[in-house]
Amino acid sequence: MKAAWYTEQGKSEEVFFIGERDEPQPLEGEIQIKVEYAGVNPGEISKRIARFGGEMPYPLVIPHSDGSGIVTKIGVGVDKHWLGKKVMCFGAQSYRPFGTAATYTCVPATHVFELDDSIDMQQAAQMGIPAITGHYAVYKAGDPRGKTILVSGGAGAVGQCAIQFAKRGGAKVIATVRKQEDRKIALYAGADEAICTDKEGLKKLATYKRTIDHIVEVAFSSNLELDNQLLKVGGSISTFATTDGTPKIPFWQLVFDNISIHFLGSDDFPLEAKQKAMREAANALEAGWKGLSIYKIYPLEQIAEAHNDVEFKRTKERILLKIS
C-alpha cells in the first residue's frame, strides 16, 4: 500500500518518506479502513518535531489520527455489518504507530463511526481531534443548556466545534476572534455573537463582566486575567492550549471567585467522551452543519507541504490529505 512515514523527528521536508508498505491486517476487535481523506492536526506536527520533548515513540510512525473511508476488513469479534460501510475514525495514531496517512489503516472498532450517505467524506475526515476536544471542553463543565459560554479562538477548528456543540446543547454562545474578518467564521459555526479582541472589541467584552458561566480557552496564559473578570462567581474554564507553558496564575483571585480550571489533553479523554463527541459531530453534520472550512487538500505525496501549512500557520482553515 502507499504510505507516508518517518523514522526520526525533525523538519517535514527532511524526515518524511513516501513509498510502499505492507498492508496492515486487523487484529481482534479492529477494523481495516481504506482511507479516502486524512485530517492534519497541530498535535501531529508537535509529535513530528518533538515540540514537547520526548523521543520517537515507535521505530516507524505513519502519522495522523483522523480520517474517513470505507471498511474493507474486520478482525475477530467485529460484526460483519461493518463491511463496506462509509465511516470516519479517530485515534488511529494515538498510542499506536500507524495512522491514516496510508491507503489502509486499522483501528479499534470502538474508534469507528458509520456515516450517513449525506455526510461529506472531507468533513468527516477532519472531525476527530477538533470535535473531541471542542465537545469535551464544553461538557466538562456539565450540561450547557441555559448557560452563557464564551469560546476563545472561535475561528479555529476546536473553537468552531465548541461553538456548534454548545449551541446545539442549548447555550448562549459568545466567541472571540483576533481579526475582524474571522468574525464571520465564528458566526457561521453558530455563535450568537462574535467579538474581535481589538481595542473596541475589548470594550464590548467588558460589558459581559461577571456574566459568563464557562469559557473554552485556547490561549490560557494570555487570557486568564480577562477570563477571571468575565466569569461569574463559581464559573469555570476548560483550556487545551497556552502561549506560555509556565504562566503566572492569580491564585487567590481565582480562589475567592471559586473558579474551576480544567486542563484538557485529548489523547487521554475517557473513551466514552470521545465516542459521544464523534456521535454528536455526525449528528450535527447530518442535520446540516457545514463543518470546518477547508483551505487545501494535498495528495499524500505532498504531506510535507501540508504539515508546513499547519506548522507555520499559513491559514486558519483546515488542511486535508487525499489518500485514495
C-alpha atoms as a PDB file:
ATOM      1  CA  MET A   1       0.000   0.000   0.000  1.00  0.00           C
ATOM      2  CA  LYS A   2       1.015   3.633  -0.418  1.00  0.00           C
ATOM      3  CA  ALA A   3       2.014   5.402   2.800  1.00  0.00           C
ATOM      4  CA  ALA A   4       3.908   8.330   4.308  1.00  0.00           C
ATOM      5  CA  TRP A   5       6.131   7.719   7.331  1.00  0.00           C
ATOM      6  CA  TYR A   6       9.092   8.939   9.333  1.00  0.00           C
ATOM      7  CA  THR A   7      11.718   7.171  11.429  1.00  0.00           C
ATOM      8  CA  GLU A   8      13.150  10.232  13.154  1.00  0.00           C
ATOM      9  CA  GLN A   9      11.800  13.577  14.330  1.00  0.00           C
ATOM     10  CA  GLY A  10      12.576  16.788  12.507  1.00  0.00           C
ATOM     11  CA  LYS A  11      11.595  19.071   9.635  1.00  0.00           C
ATOM     12  CA  SER A  12       8.877  17.706   7.408  1.00  0.00           C
ATOM     13  CA  GLU A  13      10.914  18.020   4.213  1.00  0.00           C
ATOM     14  CA  GLU A  14      13.798  16.122   5.829  1.00  0.00           C
ATOM     15  CA  VAL A  15      12.141  13.221   7.642  1.00  0.00           C
ATOM     16  CA  PHE A  16       9.169  12.081   5.558  1.00  0.00           C
ATOM     17  CA  PHE A  17       9.372   9.048   3.295  1.00  0.00           C
ATOM     18  CA  ILE A  18       6.717   8.255   0.697  1.00  0.00           C
ATOM     19  CA  GLY A  19       6.518   4.743  -0.648  1.00  0.00           C
ATOM     20  CA  GLU A  20       5.085   1.258  -0.344  1.00  0.00           C
ATOM     21  CA  ARG A  21       4.422  -0.535   2.953  1.00  0.00           C
ATOM     22  CA  ASP A  22       2.789  -3.842   3.787  1.00  0.00           C
ATOM     23  CA  GLU A  23      -0.972  -3.619   4.143  1.00  0.00           C
ATOM     24  CA  PRO A  24      -1.930  -3.831   7.850  1.00  0.00           C
ATOM     25  CA  GLN A  25      -4.302  -6.597   8.864  1.00  0.00           C
ATOM     26  CA  PRO A  26      -6.965  -6.022  11.532  1.00  0.00           C
ATOM     27  CA  LEU A  27      -6.320  -7.668  14.879  1.00  0.00           C
ATOM     28  CA  GLU A  28      -9.057  -8.880  17.200  1.00  0.00           C
ATOM     29  CA  GLY A  29     -11.613  -6.117  17.717  1.00  0.00           C
ATOM     30  CA  GLU A  30     -10.180  -3.978  14.912  1.00  0.00           C
ATOM     31  CA  ILE A  31     -11.487  -2.644  11.623  1.00  0.00           C
ATOM     32  CA  GLN A  32      -9.458  -2.047   8.480  1.00  0.00           C
ATOM     33  CA  ILE A  33     -10.381   1.128   6.595  1.00  0.00           C
ATOM     34  CA  LYS A  34      -9.423   2.073   3.062  1.00  0.00           C
ATOM     35  CA  VAL A  35      -8.687   5.721   3.748  1.00  0.00           C
ATOM     36  CA  GLU A  36     -10.067   8.391   1.426  1.00  0.00           C
ATOM     37  CA  TYR A  37      -9.103  11.506   3.391  1.00  0.00           C
ATOM     38  CA  ALA A  38      -6.917  12.168   6.430  1.00  0.00           C
ATOM     39  CA  GLY A  39      -7.113  15.226   8.668  1.00  0.00           C
ATOM     40  CA  VAL A  40      -3.965  17.176   9.555  1.00  0.00           C
ATOM     41  CA  ASN A  41      -3.839  18.489  13.136  1.00  0.00           C
ATOM     42  CA  PRO A  42      -1.346  20.642  15.082  1.00  0.00           C
ATOM     43  CA  GLY A  43      -0.756  17.788  17.521  1.00  0.00           C
ATOM     44  CA  GLU A  44       0.656  15.653  14.723  1.00  0.00           C
ATOM     45  CA  ILE A  45       3.157  18.363  13.901  1.00  0.00           C
ATOM     46  CA  SER A  46       4.092  18.540  17.600  1.00  0.00           C
ATOM     47  CA  LYS A  47       4.851  14.810  17.601  1.00  0.00           C
ATOM     48  CA  ARG A  48       6.987  15.055  14.472  1.00  0.00           C
ATOM     49  CA  ILE A  49       9.105  17.967  15.709  1.00  0.00           C
ATOM     50  CA  ALA A  50       9.153  16.834  19.371  1.00  0.00           C
ATOM     51  CA  ARG A  51       7.678  20.170  20.431  1.00  0.00           C
ATOM     52  CA  PHE A  52       7.159  18.978  23.983  1.00  0.00           C
ATOM     53  CA  GLY A  53      10.248  16.794  24.166  1.00  0.00           C
ATOM     54  CA  GLY A  54      10.415  13.043  24.095  1.00  0.00           C
ATOM     55  CA  GLU A  55      11.903  10.579  21.663  1.00  0.00           C
ATOM     56  CA  MET A  56      10.296   8.625  18.845  1.00  0.00           C
ATOM     57  CA  PRO A  57       7.554   6.533  20.479  1.00  0.00           C
ATOM     58  CA  TYR A  58       7.958   3.832  17.818  1.00  0.00           C
ATOM     59  CA  PRO A  59      10.753   2.992  15.352  1.00  0.00           C
ATOM     60  CA  LEU A  60       8.494   3.992  12.451  1.00  0.00           C
ATOM     61  CA  VAL A  61       5.435   6.255  12.505  1.00  0.00           C
ATOM     62  CA  ILE A  62       2.726   6.612   9.879  1.00  0.00           C
ATOM     63  CA  PRO A  63       1.129   9.832  11.182  1.00  0.00           C
ATOM     64  CA  HIS A  64      -2.390  11.214  11.534  1.00  0.00           C
ATOM     65  CA  SER A  65      -5.199  10.072  13.774  1.00  0.00           C
ATOM     66  CA  ASP A  66      -8.335  11.233  11.951  1.00  0.00           C
ATOM     67  CA  GLY A  67      -9.730  10.008   8.672  1.00  0.00           C
ATOM     68  CA  SER A  68     -12.650   8.815   6.585  1.00  0.00           C
ATOM     69  CA  GLY A  69     -13.078   5.928   4.196  1.00  0.00           C
ATOM     70  CA  ILE A  70     -14.673   2.542   3.563  1.00  0.00           C
ATOM     71  CA  VAL A  71     -14.431  -0.540   5.774  1.00  0.00           C
ATOM     72  CA  THR A  72     -12.614  -3.294   3.874  1.00  0.00           C
ATOM     73  CA  LYS A  73     -11.812  -5.944   6.505  1.00  0.00           C
ATOM     74  CA  ILE A  74     -12.756  -6.792  10.075  1.00  0.00           C
ATOM     75  CA  GLY A  75     -10.944  -8.581  12.865  1.00  0.00           C
ATOM     76  CA  VAL A  76     -12.175 -11.382  15.079  1.00  0.00           C
ATOM     77  CA  GLY A  77     -15.138 -10.316  17.187  1.00  0.00           C
ATOM     78  CA  VAL A  78     -16.255  -7.460  14.932  1.00  0.00           C
ATOM     79  CA  ASP A  79     -19.770  -7.574  13.468  1.00  0.00           C
ATOM     80  CA  LYS A  80     -19.862  -8.264   9.715  1.00  0.00           C
ATOM     81  CA  HIS A  81     -22.319  -5.406   9.164  1.00  0.00           C
ATOM     82  CA  TRP A  82     -19.299  -3.058   9.128  1.00  0.00           C
ATOM     83  CA  LEU A  83     -18.000  -4.410   5.813  1.00  0.00           C
ATOM     84  CA  GLY A  84     -18.414  -1.856   3.028  1.00  0.00           C
ATOM     85  CA  LYS A  85     -19.665   0.865   5.356  1.00  0.00           C
ATOM     86  CA  LYS A  86     -18.780   4.536   4.913  1.00  0.00           C
ATOM     87  CA  VAL A  87     -17.050   5.612   8.141  1.00  0.00           C
ATOM     88  CA  MET A  88     -14.928   8.134   9.990  1.00  0.00           C
ATOM     89  CA  CYS A  89     -12.349   7.270  12.631  1.00  0.00           C
ATOM     90  CA  PHE A  90     -10.351   8.862  15.423  1.00  0.00           C
ATOM     91  CA  GLY A  91      -7.244   7.874  17.364  1.00  0.00           C
ATOM     92  CA  ALA A  92      -5.613   5.854  14.583  1.00  0.00           C
ATOM     93  CA  GLN A  93      -2.173   7.085  15.687  1.00  0.00           C
ATOM     94  CA  SER A  94      -2.894   7.805  19.350  1.00  0.00           C
ATOM     95  CA  TYR A  95      -0.723   5.422  21.387  1.00  0.00           C
ATOM     96  CA  ARG A  96      -0.386   3.467  18.136  1.00  0.00           C
ATOM     97  CA  PRO A  97       2.296   3.641  15.426  1.00  0.00           C
ATOM     98  CA  PHE A  98       0.307   3.543  12.188  1.00  0.00           C
ATOM     99  CA  GLY A  99      -2.243   6.229  11.356  1.00  0.00           C
ATOM    100  CA  THR A 100      -4.324   7.448   8.437  1.00  0.00           C
ATOM    101  CA  ALA A 101      -1.549   8.742   6.139  1.00  0.00           C
ATOM    102  CA  ALA A 102      -1.736   5.462   4.223  1.00  0.00           C
ATOM    103  CA  THR A 103      -4.037   3.606   1.852  1.00  0.00           C
ATOM    104  CA  TYR A 104      -5.164   1.372   4.712  1.00  0.00           C
ATOM    105  CA  THR A 105      -5.287   1.808   8.462  1.00  0.00           C
ATOM    106  CA  CYS A 106      -6.512  -0.490  11.225  1.00  0.00           C
ATOM    107  CA  VAL A 107      -8.209   0.923  14.307  1.00  0.00           C
ATOM    108  CA  PRO A 108     -10.286  -0.470  17.167  1.00  0.00           C
ATOM    109  CA  ALA A 109     -13.960  -0.812  16.258  1.00  0.00           C
ATOM    110  CA  THR A 110     -14.702   1.487  19.205  1.00  0.00           C
ATOM    111  CA  HIS A 111     -12.927   4.287  17.289  1.00  0.00           C
ATOM    112  CA  VAL A 112     -15.021   3.994  14.116  1.00  0.00           C
ATOM    113  CA  PHE A 113     -18.381   5.620  13.317  1.00  0.00           C
ATOM    114  CA  GLU A 114     -20.719   4.802  10.476  1.00  0.00           C
ATOM    115  CA  LEU A 115     -21.721   7.779   8.343  1.00  0.00           C
ATOM    116  CA  ASP A 116     -24.991   8.679   6.720  1.00  0.00           C
ATOM    117  CA  ASP A 117     -24.786   8.960   2.926  1.00  0.00           C
ATOM    118  CA  SER A 118     -25.470  12.697   3.221  1.00  0.00           C
ATOM    119  CA  ILE A 119     -22.251  13.369   5.160  1.00  0.00           C
ATOM    120  CA  ASP A 120     -19.292  14.629   3.148  1.00  0.00           C
ATOM    121  CA  MET A 121     -16.166  12.460   3.452  1.00  0.00           C
ATOM    122  CA  GLN A 122     -13.901  15.508   3.603  1.00  0.00           C
ATOM    123  CA  GLN A 123     -15.747  16.929   6.591  1.00  0.00           C
ATOM    124  CA  ALA A 124     -15.886  13.549   8.303  1.00  0.00           C
ATOM    125  CA  ALA A 125     -12.119  13.119   7.959  1.00  0.00           C
ATOM    126  CA  GLN A 126     -11.342  16.226   9.962  1.00  0.00           C
ATOM    127  CA  MET A 127     -13.805  15.843  12.820  1.00  0.00           C
ATOM    128  CA  GLY A 128     -11.763  13.658  15.187  1.00  0.00           C
ATOM    129  CA  ILE A 129      -9.397  15.721  17.325  1.00  0.00           C
ATOM    130  CA  PRO A 130     -11.150  19.117  16.907  1.00  0.00           C
ATOM    131  CA  ALA A 131     -14.603  17.682  17.590  1.00  0.00           C
ATOM    132  CA  ILE A 132     -13.463  15.578  20.538  1.00  0.00           C
ATOM    133  CA  THR A 133     -11.585  18.485  22.125  1.00  0.00           C
ATOM    134  CA  GLY A 134     -14.338  21.018  21.461  1.00  0.00           C
ATOM    135  CA  HIS A 135     -17.097  18.774  22.788  1.00  0.00           C
ATOM    136  CA  TYR A 136     -15.218  17.779  25.941  1.00  0.00           C
ATOM    137  CA  ALA A 137     -14.227  21.405  26.578  1.00  0.00           C
ATOM    138  CA  VAL A 138     -17.892  22.400  26.561  1.00  0.00           C
ATOM    139  CA  TYR A 139     -19.306  19.452  28.519  1.00  0.00           C
ATOM    140  CA  LYS A 140     -16.526  19.221  31.105  1.00  0.00           C
ATOM    141  CA  ALA A 141     -18.455  21.916  32.982  1.00  0.00           C
ATOM    142  CA  GLY A 142     -21.727  19.988  32.777  1.00  0.00           C
ATOM    143  CA  ASP A 143     -24.875  20.444  30.726  1.00  0.00           C
ATOM    144  CA  PRO A 144     -24.560  23.699  28.737  1.00  0.00           C
ATOM    145  CA  ARG A 145     -28.307  24.279  28.487  1.00  0.00           C
ATOM    146  CA  GLY A 146     -29.238  27.768  29.664  1.00  0.00           C
ATOM    147  CA  LYS A 147     -25.621  28.819  30.246  1.00  0.00           C
ATOM    148  CA  THR A 148     -23.652  31.643  28.674  1.00  0.00           C
ATOM    149  CA  ILE A 149     -20.447  30.193  27.239  1.00  0.00           C
ATOM    150  CA  LEU A 150     -17.506  32.143  25.850  1.00  0.00           C
ATOM    151  CA  VAL A 151     -15.384  30.392  23.221  1.00  0.00           C
ATOM    152  CA  SER A 152     -11.929  31.898  22.827  1.00  0.00           C
ATOM    153  CA  GLY A 153     -10.450  31.479  19.358  1.00  0.00           C
ATOM    154  CA  GLY A 154     -13.820  30.927  17.755  1.00  0.00           C
ATOM    155  CA  ALA A 155     -12.354  30.853  14.243  1.00  0.00           C
ATOM    156  CA  GLY A 156     -10.107  27.875  14.987  1.00  0.00           C
ATOM    157  CA  ALA A 157     -11.090  24.263  14.379  1.00  0.00           C
ATOM    158  CA  VAL A 158     -11.624  23.404  18.048  1.00  0.00           C
ATOM    159  CA  GLY A 159     -13.341  26.745  18.591  1.00  0.00           C
ATOM    160  CA  GLN A 160     -15.794  26.196  15.748  1.00  0.00           C
ATOM    161  CA  CYS A 161     -16.635  22.726  17.040  1.00  0.00           C
ATOM    162  CA  ALA A 162     -17.077  24.047  20.588  1.00  0.00           C
ATOM    163  CA  ILE A 163     -19.413  26.763  19.306  1.00  0.00           C
ATOM    164  CA  GLN A 164     -21.501  24.240  17.388  1.00  0.00           C
ATOM    165  CA  PHE A 165     -21.747  21.803  20.296  1.00  0.00           C
ATOM    166  CA  ALA A 166     -22.502  24.484  22.887  1.00  0.00           C
ATOM    167  CA  LYS A 167     -25.213  25.953  20.681  1.00  0.00           C
ATOM    168  CA  ARG A 168     -26.727  22.541  19.965  1.00  0.00           C
ATOM    169  CA  GLY A 169     -26.642  21.941  23.715  1.00  0.00           C
ATOM    170  CA  GLY A 170     -28.796  24.990  24.410  1.00  0.00           C
ATOM    171  CA  ALA A 171     -26.224  27.595  25.481  1.00  0.00           C
ATOM    172  CA  LYS A 172     -25.892  31.229  24.528  1.00  0.00           C
ATOM    173  CA  VAL A 173     -22.508  31.369  22.794  1.00  0.00           C
ATOM    174  CA  ILE A 174     -20.161  34.329  22.567  1.00  0.00           C
ATOM    175  CA  ALA A 175     -16.976  33.849  20.557  1.00  0.00           C
ATOM    176  CA  THR A 176     -13.789  35.889  20.444  1.00  0.00           C
ATOM    177  CA  VAL A 177     -11.502  36.158  17.417  1.00  0.00           C
ATOM    178  CA  ARG A 178      -8.276  38.043  16.723  1.00  0.00           C
ATOM    179  CA  LYS A 179      -9.257  39.593  13.381  1.00  0.00           C
ATOM    180  CA  GLN A 180     -12.443  41.277  12.221  1.00  0.00           C
ATOM    181  CA  GLU A 181     -12.615  39.062   9.143  1.00  0.00           C
ATOM    182  CA  ASP A 182     -12.660  35.977  11.384  1.00  0.00           C
ATOM    183  CA  ARG A 183     -15.952  37.003  12.983  1.00  0.00           C
ATOM    184  CA  LYS A 184     -17.895  35.505  10.086  1.00  0.00           C
ATOM    185  CA  ILE A 185     -16.266  32.096  10.695  1.00  0.00           C
ATOM    186  CA  ALA A 186     -17.400  32.032  14.328  1.00  0.00           C
ATOM    187  CA  LEU A 187     -20.874  33.261  13.425  1.00  0.00           C
ATOM    188  CA  TYR A 188     -21.133  30.639  10.682  1.00  0.00           C
ATOM    189  CA  ALA A 189     -20.275  27.986  13.284  1.00  0.00           C
ATOM    190  CA  GLY A 190     -23.307  29.114  15.282  1.00  0.00           C
ATOM    191  CA  ALA A 191     -22.110  31.797  17.701  1.00  0.00           C
ATOM    192  CA  ASP A 192     -24.748  34.284  18.854  1.00  0.00           C
ATOM    193  CA  GLU A 193     -22.099  36.988  18.889  1.00  0.00           C
ATOM    194  CA  ALA A 194     -18.502  37.163  17.656  1.00  0.00           C
ATOM    195  CA  ILE A 195     -16.208  39.823  19.104  1.00  0.00           C
ATOM    196  CA  CYS A 196     -12.804  40.809  17.742  1.00  0.00           C
ATOM    197  CA  THR A 197     -10.324  41.355  20.582  1.00  0.00           C
ATOM    198  CA  ASP A 198      -9.132  44.725  19.280  1.00  0.00           C
ATOM    199  CA  LYS A 199      -9.491  47.907  21.333  1.00  0.00           C
ATOM    200  CA  GLU A 200     -13.184  48.363  20.592  1.00  0.00           C
ATOM    201  CA  GLY A 201     -13.884  44.676  21.000  1.00  0.00           C
ATOM    202  CA  LEU A 202     -12.332  44.604  24.461  1.00  0.00           C
ATOM    203  CA  LYS A 203     -14.693  47.405  25.453  1.00  0.00           C
ATOM    204  CA  LYS A 204     -17.582  45.277  24.237  1.00  0.00           C
ATOM    205  CA  LEU A 205     -16.291  42.258  26.170  1.00  0.00           C
ATOM    206  CA  ALA A 206     -16.137  44.364  29.326  1.00  0.00           C
ATOM    207  CA  THR A 207     -19.922  44.667  29.213  1.00  0.00           C
ATOM    208  CA  TYR A 208     -20.072  40.921  29.908  1.00  0.00           C
ATOM    209  CA  LYS A 209     -18.240  41.250  33.216  1.00  0.00           C
ATOM    210  CA  ARG A 210     -19.418  38.588  35.685  1.00  0.00           C
ATOM    211  CA  THR A 211     -21.979  37.148  33.233  1.00  0.00           C
ATOM    212  CA  ILE A 212     -20.114  34.169  31.746  1.00  0.00           C
ATOM    213  CA  ASP A 213     -20.713  30.681  33.142  1.00  0.00           C
ATOM    214  CA  HIS A 214     -17.968  28.825  31.309  1.00  0.00           C
ATOM    215  CA  ILE A 215     -15.054  29.610  28.987  1.00  0.00           C
ATOM    216  CA  VAL A 216     -13.466  27.367  26.357  1.00  0.00           C
ATOM    217  CA  GLU A 217      -9.929  28.761  26.270  1.00  0.00           C
ATOM    218  CA  VAL A 218      -7.273  28.381  23.562  1.00  0.00           C
ATOM    219  CA  ALA A 219      -4.784  30.920  24.980  1.00  0.00           C
ATOM    220  CA  PHE A 220      -4.779  30.272  28.727  1.00  0.00           C
ATOM    221  CA  SER A 221      -1.824  32.399  29.816  1.00  0.00           C
ATOM    222  CA  SER A 222      -2.744  35.371  27.639  1.00  0.00           C
ATOM    223  CA  ASN A 223      -6.419  35.499  28.577  1.00  0.00           C
ATOM    224  CA  LEU A 224      -6.569  34.300  32.184  1.00  0.00           C
ATOM    225  CA  GLU A 225      -6.849  37.761  33.721  1.00  0.00           C
ATOM    226  CA  LEU A 226      -9.622  38.766  31.323  1.00  0.00           C
ATOM    227  CA  ASP A 227     -11.371  35.426  31.772  1.00  0.00           C
ATOM    228  CA  ASN A 228     -11.483  35.890  35.533  1.00  0.00           C
ATOM    229  CA  GLN A 229     -13.117  39.299  35.078  1.00  0.00           C
ATOM    230  CA  LEU A 230     -15.789  37.875  32.782  1.00  0.00           C
ATOM    231  CA  LEU A 231     -16.680  34.747  34.745  1.00  0.00           C
ATOM    232  CA  LYS A 232     -19.439  34.594  37.309  1.00  0.00           C
ATOM    233  CA  VAL A 233     -18.514  33.506  40.803  1.00  0.00           C
ATOM    234  CA  GLY A 234     -18.359  29.729  40.563  1.00  0.00           C
ATOM    235  CA  GLY A 235     -17.603  29.823  36.847  1.00  0.00           C
ATOM    236  CA  SER A 236     -15.193  27.558  35.016  1.00  0.00           C
ATOM    237  CA  ILE A 237     -12.550  27.382  32.304  1.00  0.00           C
ATOM    238  CA  SER A 238     -11.673  24.463  30.025  1.00  0.00           C
ATOM    239  CA  THR A 239      -8.296  25.029  28.396  1.00  0.00           C
ATOM    240  CA  PHE A 240      -6.365  22.960  25.897  1.00  0.00           C
ATOM    241  CA  ALA A 241      -3.592  25.364  24.797  1.00  0.00           C
ATOM    242  CA  THR A 242      -1.475  28.270  26.024  1.00  0.00           C
ATOM    243  CA  THR A 243       1.035  30.770  24.714  1.00  0.00           C
ATOM    244  CA  ASP A 244       3.209  30.459  27.848  1.00  0.00           C
ATOM    245  CA  GLY A 245       3.877  26.992  29.200  1.00  0.00           C
ATOM    246  CA  THR A 246       4.634  28.314  32.697  1.00  0.00           C
ATOM    247  CA  PRO A 247       2.007  31.036  33.202  1.00  0.00           C
ATOM    248  CA  LYS A 248       1.622  33.237  36.256  1.00  0.00           C
ATOM    249  CA  ILE A 249      -1.713  32.426  37.898  1.00  0.00           C
ATOM    250  CA  PRO A 250      -3.674  34.886  40.114  1.00  0.00           C
ATOM    251  CA  PHE A 251      -4.315  32.146  42.656  1.00  0.00           C
ATOM    252  CA  TRP A 252      -6.191  33.990  45.387  1.00  0.00           C
ATOM    253  CA  GLN A 253      -8.385  35.911  42.981  1.00  0.00           C
ATOM    254  CA  LEU A 254      -9.438  32.626  41.390  1.00  0.00           C
ATOM    255  CA  VAL A 255      -9.921  31.027  44.813  1.00  0.00           C
ATOM    256  CA  PHE A 256     -12.141  33.809  46.127  1.00  0.00           C
ATOM    257  CA  ASP A 257     -14.247  33.622  42.959  1.00  0.00           C
ATOM    258  CA  ASN A 258     -14.447  29.812  43.192  1.00  0.00           C
ATOM    259  CA  ILE A 259     -13.255  29.389  39.613  1.00  0.00           C
ATOM    260  CA  SER A 260     -12.682  25.836  38.382  1.00  0.00           C
ATOM    261  CA  ILE A 261      -9.996  25.267  35.741  1.00  0.00           C
ATOM    262  CA  HIS A 262      -9.946  22.102  33.650  1.00  0.00           C
ATOM    263  CA  PHE A 263      -6.739  21.283  31.745  1.00  0.00           C
ATOM    264  CA  LEU A 264      -7.526  19.072  28.763  1.00  0.00           C
ATOM    265  CA  GLY A 265      -5.357  16.730  26.685  1.00  0.00           C
ATOM    266  CA  SER A 266      -7.450  14.924  24.094  1.00  0.00           C
ATOM    267  CA  ASP A 267      -5.357  11.743  23.844  1.00  0.00           C
ATOM    268  CA  ASP A 268      -6.362  10.777  27.369  1.00  0.00           C
ATOM    269  CA  PHE A 269     -10.032  11.738  27.450  1.00  0.00           C
ATOM    270  CA  PRO A 270     -12.295   8.847  28.510  1.00  0.00           C
ATOM    271  CA  LEU A 271     -13.281   6.677  25.551  1.00  0.00           C
ATOM    272  CA  GLU A 272     -16.965   7.312  26.275  1.00  0.00           C
ATOM    273  CA  ALA A 273     -16.403  11.073  25.971  1.00  0.00           C
ATOM    274  CA  LYS A 274     -14.634  10.650  22.634  1.00  0.00           C
ATOM    275  CA  GLN A 275     -17.434   8.468  21.322  1.00  0.00           C
ATOM    276  CA  LYS A 276     -20.090  10.925  22.462  1.00  0.00           C
ATOM    277  CA  ALA A 277     -18.263  13.759  20.688  1.00  0.00           C
ATOM    278  CA  MET A 278     -17.995  11.818  17.444  1.00  0.00           C
ATOM    279  CA  ARG A 279     -21.667  10.845  17.561  1.00  0.00           C
ATOM    280  CA  GLU A 280     -22.604  14.474  18.120  1.00  0.00           C
ATOM    281  CA  ALA A 281     -20.339  15.574  15.253  1.00  0.00           C
ATOM    282  CA  ALA A 282     -22.009  13.060  12.931  1.00  0.00           C
ATOM    283  CA  ASN A 283     -25.444  14.193  14.116  1.00  0.00           C
ATOM    284  CA  ALA A 284     -24.551  17.845  13.526  1.00  0.00           C
ATOM    285  CA  LEU A 285     -23.262  17.166  10.010  1.00  0.00           C
ATOM    286  CA  GLU A 286     -26.320  15.059   9.203  1.00  0.00           C
ATOM    287  CA  ALA A 287     -28.551  17.873  10.495  1.00  0.00           C
ATOM    288  CA  GLY A 288     -26.972  20.343   8.090  1.00  0.00           C
ATOM    289  CA  TRP A 289     -23.898  21.782   9.809  1.00  0.00           C
ATOM    290  CA  LYS A 290     -21.418  22.575   7.042  1.00  0.00           C
ATOM    291  CA  GLY A 291     -18.442  21.744   9.251  1.00  0.00           C
ATOM    292  CA  LEU A 292     -14.995  23.316   9.006  1.00  0.00           C
ATOM    293  CA  SER A 293     -13.807  25.368   6.039  1.00  0.00           C
ATOM    294  CA  ILE A 294     -11.023  23.706   4.043  1.00  0.00           C
ATOM    295  CA  TYR A 295      -8.009  25.645   2.782  1.00  0.00           C
ATOM    296  CA  LYS A 296      -6.402  22.960   0.660  1.00  0.00           C
ATOM    297  CA  ILE A 297      -6.428  19.231   0.016  1.00  0.00           C
ATOM    298  CA  TYR A 298      -2.996  17.793  -0.745  1.00  0.00           C
ATOM    299  CA  PRO A 299      -2.169  14.432  -2.288  1.00  0.00           C
ATOM    300  CA  LEU A 300      -0.335  12.114   0.096  1.00  0.00           C
ATOM    301  CA  GLU A 301       2.891  12.718  -1.828  1.00  0.00           C
ATOM    302  CA  GLN A 302       2.799  16.354  -0.641  1.00  0.00           C
ATOM    303  CA  ILE A 303       2.404  15.566   3.060  1.00  0.00           C
ATOM    304  CA  ALA A 304       5.487  17.654   3.921  1.00  0.00           C
ATOM    305  CA  GLU A 305       3.892  20.762   2.419  1.00  0.00           C
ATOM    306  CA  ALA A 306       0.608  20.004   4.183  1.00  0.00           C
ATOM    307  CA  HIS A 307       2.443  19.770   7.509  1.00  0.00           C
ATOM    308  CA  ASN A 308       4.238  23.055   6.838  1.00  0.00           C
ATOM    309  CA  ASP A 309       0.943  24.843   6.198  1.00  0.00           C
ATOM    310  CA  VAL A 310      -0.208  23.813   9.671  1.00  0.00           C
ATOM    311  CA  GLU A 311       3.151  24.185  11.440  1.00  0.00           C
ATOM    312  CA  PHE A 312       3.744  27.716  10.157  1.00  0.00           C
ATOM    313  CA  LYS A 313       0.092  28.757  10.497  1.00  0.00           C
ATOM    314  CA  ARG A 314      -0.362  29.750   6.878  1.00  0.00           C
ATOM    315  CA  THR A 315      -4.129  29.544   7.258  1.00  0.00           C
ATOM    316  CA  LYS A 316      -6.857  29.216   9.873  1.00  0.00           C
ATOM    317  CA  GLU A 317      -8.730  26.900   7.547  1.00  0.00           C
ATOM    318  CA  ARG A 318      -8.236  23.170   7.510  1.00  0.00           C
ATOM    319  CA  ILE A 319      -5.694  21.066   5.648  1.00  0.00           C
ATOM    320  CA  LEU A 320      -6.525  17.569   4.407  1.00  0.00           C
ATOM    321  CA  LEU A 321      -4.702  14.765   2.636  1.00  0.00           C
ATOM    322  CA  LYS A 322      -6.342  12.883  -0.250  1.00  0.00           C
ATOM    323  CA  ILE A 323      -5.274   9.286   0.210  1.00  0.00           C
ATOM    324  CA  SER A 324      -7.267   7.174  -2.242  1.00  0.00           C
END
